[in-house]
Amino acid sequence: MAVTETLPDCIFCRIAGGGTGTPLVAESEHAVAFRDLHPQAPTHVLVVPRRHLAALREVEAGDAVLVADALGLAVEVARREGILDGGYRVLTNDGADAGQTVPHLHFHVLGGRPLHVPLG
């Protein structure tokens, strides 16, 4: 796997580095995927870049490969979880007001039931 920049106090950096024993659903060169501890749908998997970025707002042009790899892994998770054909949602929260609770960029892969929620 690629050499990454991580923060020792970041739980997602530790998970991505294999330091917690968290079972992985899938992994790629630049990202890992694991189940959310508080699932909001029958399938709720987090896709986390191996390199620490606090949030989407920190992504720069040089991070295109990392982000493309993470989103490709999200599609692979949907395929492995059997939700690819029925549909699924990939989302990220950026900042506390958006509901981001762990300051490490991550994408939620949600599916397994209809997700028709208005953004009111």
C-alpha atoms as a PDB file:
ATOM      1  CA  MET A   1       0.000   0.000   0.000  1.00  0.00           C
ATOM      2  CA  ALA A   2       1.034   3.601  -0.531  1.00  0.00           C
ATOM      3  CA  VAL A   3       3.010   5.535   2.062  1.00  0.00           C
ATOM      4  CA  THR A   4       0.658   7.945   3.795  1.00  0.00           C
ATOM      5  CA  GLU A   5       0.706  10.974   6.065  1.00  0.00           C
ATOM      6  CA  THR A   6      -1.311  10.269   9.192  1.00  0.00           C
ATOM      7  CA  LEU A   7      -2.047  11.841  12.566  1.00  0.00           C
ATOM      8  CA  PRO A   8      -1.452   9.613  15.600  1.00  0.00           C
ATOM      9  CA  ASP A   9      -4.486  10.958  17.479  1.00  0.00           C
ATOM     10  CA  CYS A  10      -6.912  10.494  14.558  1.00  0.00           C
ATOM     11  CA  ILE A  11      -9.078   7.381  14.945  1.00  0.00           C
ATOM     12  CA  PHE A  12      -9.607   7.085  11.181  1.00  0.00           C
ATOM     13  CA  CYS A  13      -5.833   7.310  10.579  1.00  0.00           C
ATOM     14  CA  ARG A  14      -5.360   4.486  13.077  1.00  0.00           C
ATOM     15  CA  ILE A  15      -8.095   2.379  11.456  1.00  0.00           C
ATOM     16  CA  ALA A  16      -6.670   3.003   7.964  1.00  0.00           C
ATOM     17  CA  GLY A  17      -3.229   2.020   9.214  1.00  0.00           C
ATOM     18  CA  GLY A  18      -4.489  -1.246  10.703  1.00  0.00           C
ATOM     19  CA  GLY A  19      -3.816  -0.163  14.277  1.00  0.00           C
ATOM     20  CA  THR A  20      -7.253  -0.905  15.717  1.00  0.00           C
ATOM     21  CA  GLY A  21      -8.103  -4.337  14.343  1.00  0.00           C
ATOM     22  CA  THR A  22     -11.240  -2.920  12.703  1.00  0.00           C
ATOM     23  CA  PRO A  23     -12.465  -5.398  10.066  1.00  0.00           C
ATOM     24  CA  LEU A  24     -12.292  -3.908   6.580  1.00  0.00           C
ATOM     25  CA  VAL A  25     -15.070  -4.349   4.041  1.00  0.00           C
ATOM     26  CA  ALA A  26     -12.700  -3.403   1.209  1.00  0.00           C
ATOM     27  CA  GLU A  27      -9.470  -1.535   0.596  1.00  0.00           C
ATOM     28  CA  SER A  28      -7.558   0.070  -2.237  1.00  0.00           C
ATOM     29  CA  GLU A  29      -4.220   1.772  -2.651  1.00  0.00           C
ATOM     30  CA  HIS A  30      -5.410   5.063  -1.153  1.00  0.00           C
ATOM     31  CA  ALA A  31      -8.445   4.186   0.984  1.00  0.00           C
ATOM     32  CA  VAL A  32     -10.076   1.662   3.294  1.00  0.00           C
ATOM     33  CA  ALA A  33     -13.750   0.845   3.896  1.00  0.00           C
ATOM     34  CA  PHE A  34     -15.330  -0.348   7.136  1.00  0.00           C
ATOM     35  CA  ARG A  35     -18.773  -0.491   8.724  1.00  0.00           C
ATOM     36  CA  ASP A  36     -20.122   2.541  10.567  1.00  0.00           C
ATOM     37  CA  LEU A  37     -20.550   1.954  14.320  1.00  0.00           C
ATOM     38  CA  HIS A  38     -23.952   3.710  14.241  1.00  0.00           C
ATOM     39  CA  PRO A  39     -25.523   2.644  10.930  1.00  0.00           C
ATOM     40  CA  GLN A  40     -28.263   4.809   9.442  1.00  0.00           C
ATOM     41  CA  ALA A  41     -29.256   2.209   6.820  1.00  0.00           C
ATOM     42  CA  PRO A  42     -28.940  -1.567   6.400  1.00  0.00           C
ATOM     43  CA  THR A  43     -25.686  -0.892   4.537  1.00  0.00           C
ATOM     44  CA  HIS A  44     -23.629   1.925   6.049  1.00  0.00           C
ATOM     45  CA  VAL A  45     -19.943   1.723   5.233  1.00  0.00           C
ATOM     46  CA  LEU A  46     -17.344   4.467   5.619  1.00  0.00           C
ATOM     47  CA  VAL A  47     -14.684   4.969   2.960  1.00  0.00           C
ATOM     48  CA  VAL A  48     -11.648   6.705   4.464  1.00  0.00           C
ATOM     49  CA  PRO A  49      -8.531   7.919   2.664  1.00  0.00           C
ATOM     50  CA  ARG A  50      -5.325   6.483   4.119  1.00  0.00           C
ATOM     51  CA  ARG A  51      -3.763   9.973   4.078  1.00  0.00           C
ATOM     52  CA  HIS A  52      -5.153  12.439   6.571  1.00  0.00           C
ATOM     53  CA  LEU A  53      -7.266  15.271   5.211  1.00  0.00           C
ATOM     54  CA  ALA A  54      -9.526  16.837   7.827  1.00  0.00           C
ATOM     55  CA  ALA A  55     -12.420  17.489   5.446  1.00  0.00           C
ATOM     56  CA  LEU A  56     -13.432  17.935   1.833  1.00  0.00           C
ATOM     57  CA  ARG A  57     -12.453  21.605   2.045  1.00  0.00           C
ATOM     58  CA  GLU A  58      -8.783  20.504   2.306  1.00  0.00           C
ATOM     59  CA  VAL A  59      -8.790  18.636  -1.015  1.00  0.00           C
ATOM     60  CA  GLU A  60      -6.523  20.264  -3.593  1.00  0.00           C
ATOM     61  CA  ALA A  61      -5.825  19.558  -7.257  1.00  0.00           C
ATOM     62  CA  GLY A  62      -2.949  17.256  -6.299  1.00  0.00           C
ATOM     63  CA  ASP A  63      -5.387  15.053  -4.365  1.00  0.00           C
ATOM     64  CA  ALA A  64      -7.368  14.026  -7.463  1.00  0.00           C
ATOM     65  CA  VAL A  65      -5.989  10.472  -7.494  1.00  0.00           C
ATOM     66  CA  LEU A  66      -6.749  10.004  -3.781  1.00  0.00           C
ATOM     67  CA  VAL A  67     -10.350  11.229  -4.140  1.00  0.00           C
ATOM     68  CA  ALA A  68     -10.960   9.242  -7.342  1.00  0.00           C
ATOM     69  CA  ASP A  69      -9.606   6.120  -5.637  1.00  0.00           C
ATOM     70  CA  ALA A  70     -11.855   6.643  -2.590  1.00  0.00           C
ATOM     71  CA  LEU A  71     -14.940   7.147  -4.766  1.00  0.00           C
ATOM     72  CA  GLY A  72     -14.035   4.108  -6.850  1.00  0.00           C
ATOM     73  CA  LEU A  73     -13.797   2.129  -3.616  1.00  0.00           C
ATOM     74  CA  ALA A  74     -17.276   3.397  -2.666  1.00  0.00           C
ATOM     75  CA  VAL A  75     -18.617   1.877  -5.906  1.00  0.00           C
ATOM     76  CA  GLU A  76     -16.786  -1.376  -5.140  1.00  0.00           C
ATOM     77  CA  VAL A  77     -18.358  -1.424  -1.661  1.00  0.00           C
ATOM     78  CA  ALA A  78     -21.813  -0.965  -3.219  1.00  0.00           C
ATOM     79  CA  ARG A  79     -21.102  -3.883  -5.561  1.00  0.00           C
ATOM     80  CA  ARG A  80     -19.860  -6.148  -2.763  1.00  0.00           C
ATOM     81  CA  GLU A  81     -22.788  -5.222  -0.523  1.00  0.00           C
ATOM     82  CA  GLY A  82     -25.329  -6.024  -3.262  1.00  0.00           C
ATOM     83  CA  ILE A  83     -26.750  -2.502  -3.512  1.00  0.00           C
ATOM     84  CA  LEU A  84     -25.171  -1.420  -6.796  1.00  0.00           C
ATOM     85  CA  ASP A  85     -28.192  -2.120  -9.006  1.00  0.00           C
ATOM     86  CA  GLY A  86     -30.921  -0.980  -6.597  1.00  0.00           C
ATOM     87  CA  GLY A  87     -29.200   2.278  -5.795  1.00  0.00           C
ATOM     88  CA  TYR A  88     -27.180   3.765  -3.003  1.00  0.00           C
ATOM     89  CA  ARG A  89     -26.025   7.104  -1.645  1.00  0.00           C
ATOM     90  CA  VAL A  90     -22.464   8.383  -1.208  1.00  0.00           C
ATOM     91  CA  LEU A  91     -22.092  11.478   0.936  1.00  0.00           C
ATOM     92  CA  THR A  92     -19.626  13.416   3.022  1.00  0.00           C
ATOM     93  CA  ASN A  93     -20.124  15.953   5.784  1.00  0.00           C
ATOM     94  CA  ASP A  94     -17.782  18.952   5.849  1.00  0.00           C
ATOM     95  CA  GLY A  95     -17.577  20.671   9.222  1.00  0.00           C
ATOM     96  CA  ALA A  96     -19.522  20.549  12.468  1.00  0.00           C
ATOM     97  CA  ASP A  97     -22.608  22.330  11.085  1.00  0.00           C
ATOM     98  CA  ALA A  98     -22.903  19.585   8.447  1.00  0.00           C
ATOM     99  CA  GLY A  99     -22.667  16.833  11.061  1.00  0.00           C
ATOM    100  CA  GLN A 100     -18.996  15.865  10.645  1.00  0.00           C
ATOM    101  CA  THR A 101     -17.988  14.225  13.927  1.00  0.00           C
ATOM    102  CA  VAL A 102     -14.548  12.851  12.984  1.00  0.00           C
ATOM    103  CA  PRO A 103     -12.179  15.412  11.455  1.00  0.00           C
ATOM    104  CA  HIS A 104     -10.877  13.099   8.724  1.00  0.00           C
ATOM    105  CA  LEU A 105     -12.363  13.143   5.226  1.00  0.00           C
ATOM    106  CA  HIS A 106     -14.660  10.179   4.769  1.00  0.00           C
ATOM    107  CA  PHE A 107     -17.500   9.116   2.515  1.00  0.00           C
ATOM    108  CA  HIS A 108     -20.609   7.318   3.734  1.00  0.00           C
ATOM    109  CA  VAL A 109     -21.971   4.556   1.476  1.00  0.00           C
ATOM    110  CA  LEU A 110     -25.635   4.051   2.391  1.00  0.00           C
ATOM    111  CA  GLY A 111     -28.180   1.660   0.941  1.00  0.00           C
ATOM    112  CA  GLY A 112     -30.252  -1.438   1.405  1.00  0.00           C
ATOM    113  CA  ARG A 113     -33.531   0.479   1.718  1.00  0.00           C
ATOM    114  CA  PRO A 114     -35.180   3.422  -0.059  1.00  0.00           C
ATOM    115  CA  LEU A 115     -33.389   6.630   0.915  1.00  0.00           C
ATOM    116  CA  HIS A 116     -36.019   9.161  -0.129  1.00  0.00           C
ATOM    117  CA  VAL A 117     -35.374  11.871   2.426  1.00  0.00           C
ATOM    118  CA  PRO A 118     -36.173  15.467   1.471  1.00  0.00           C
ATOM    119  CA  LEU A 119     -33.471  18.058   2.164  1.00  0.00           C
ATOM    120  CA  GLY A 120     -36.093  20.505   3.535  1.00  0.00           C
END
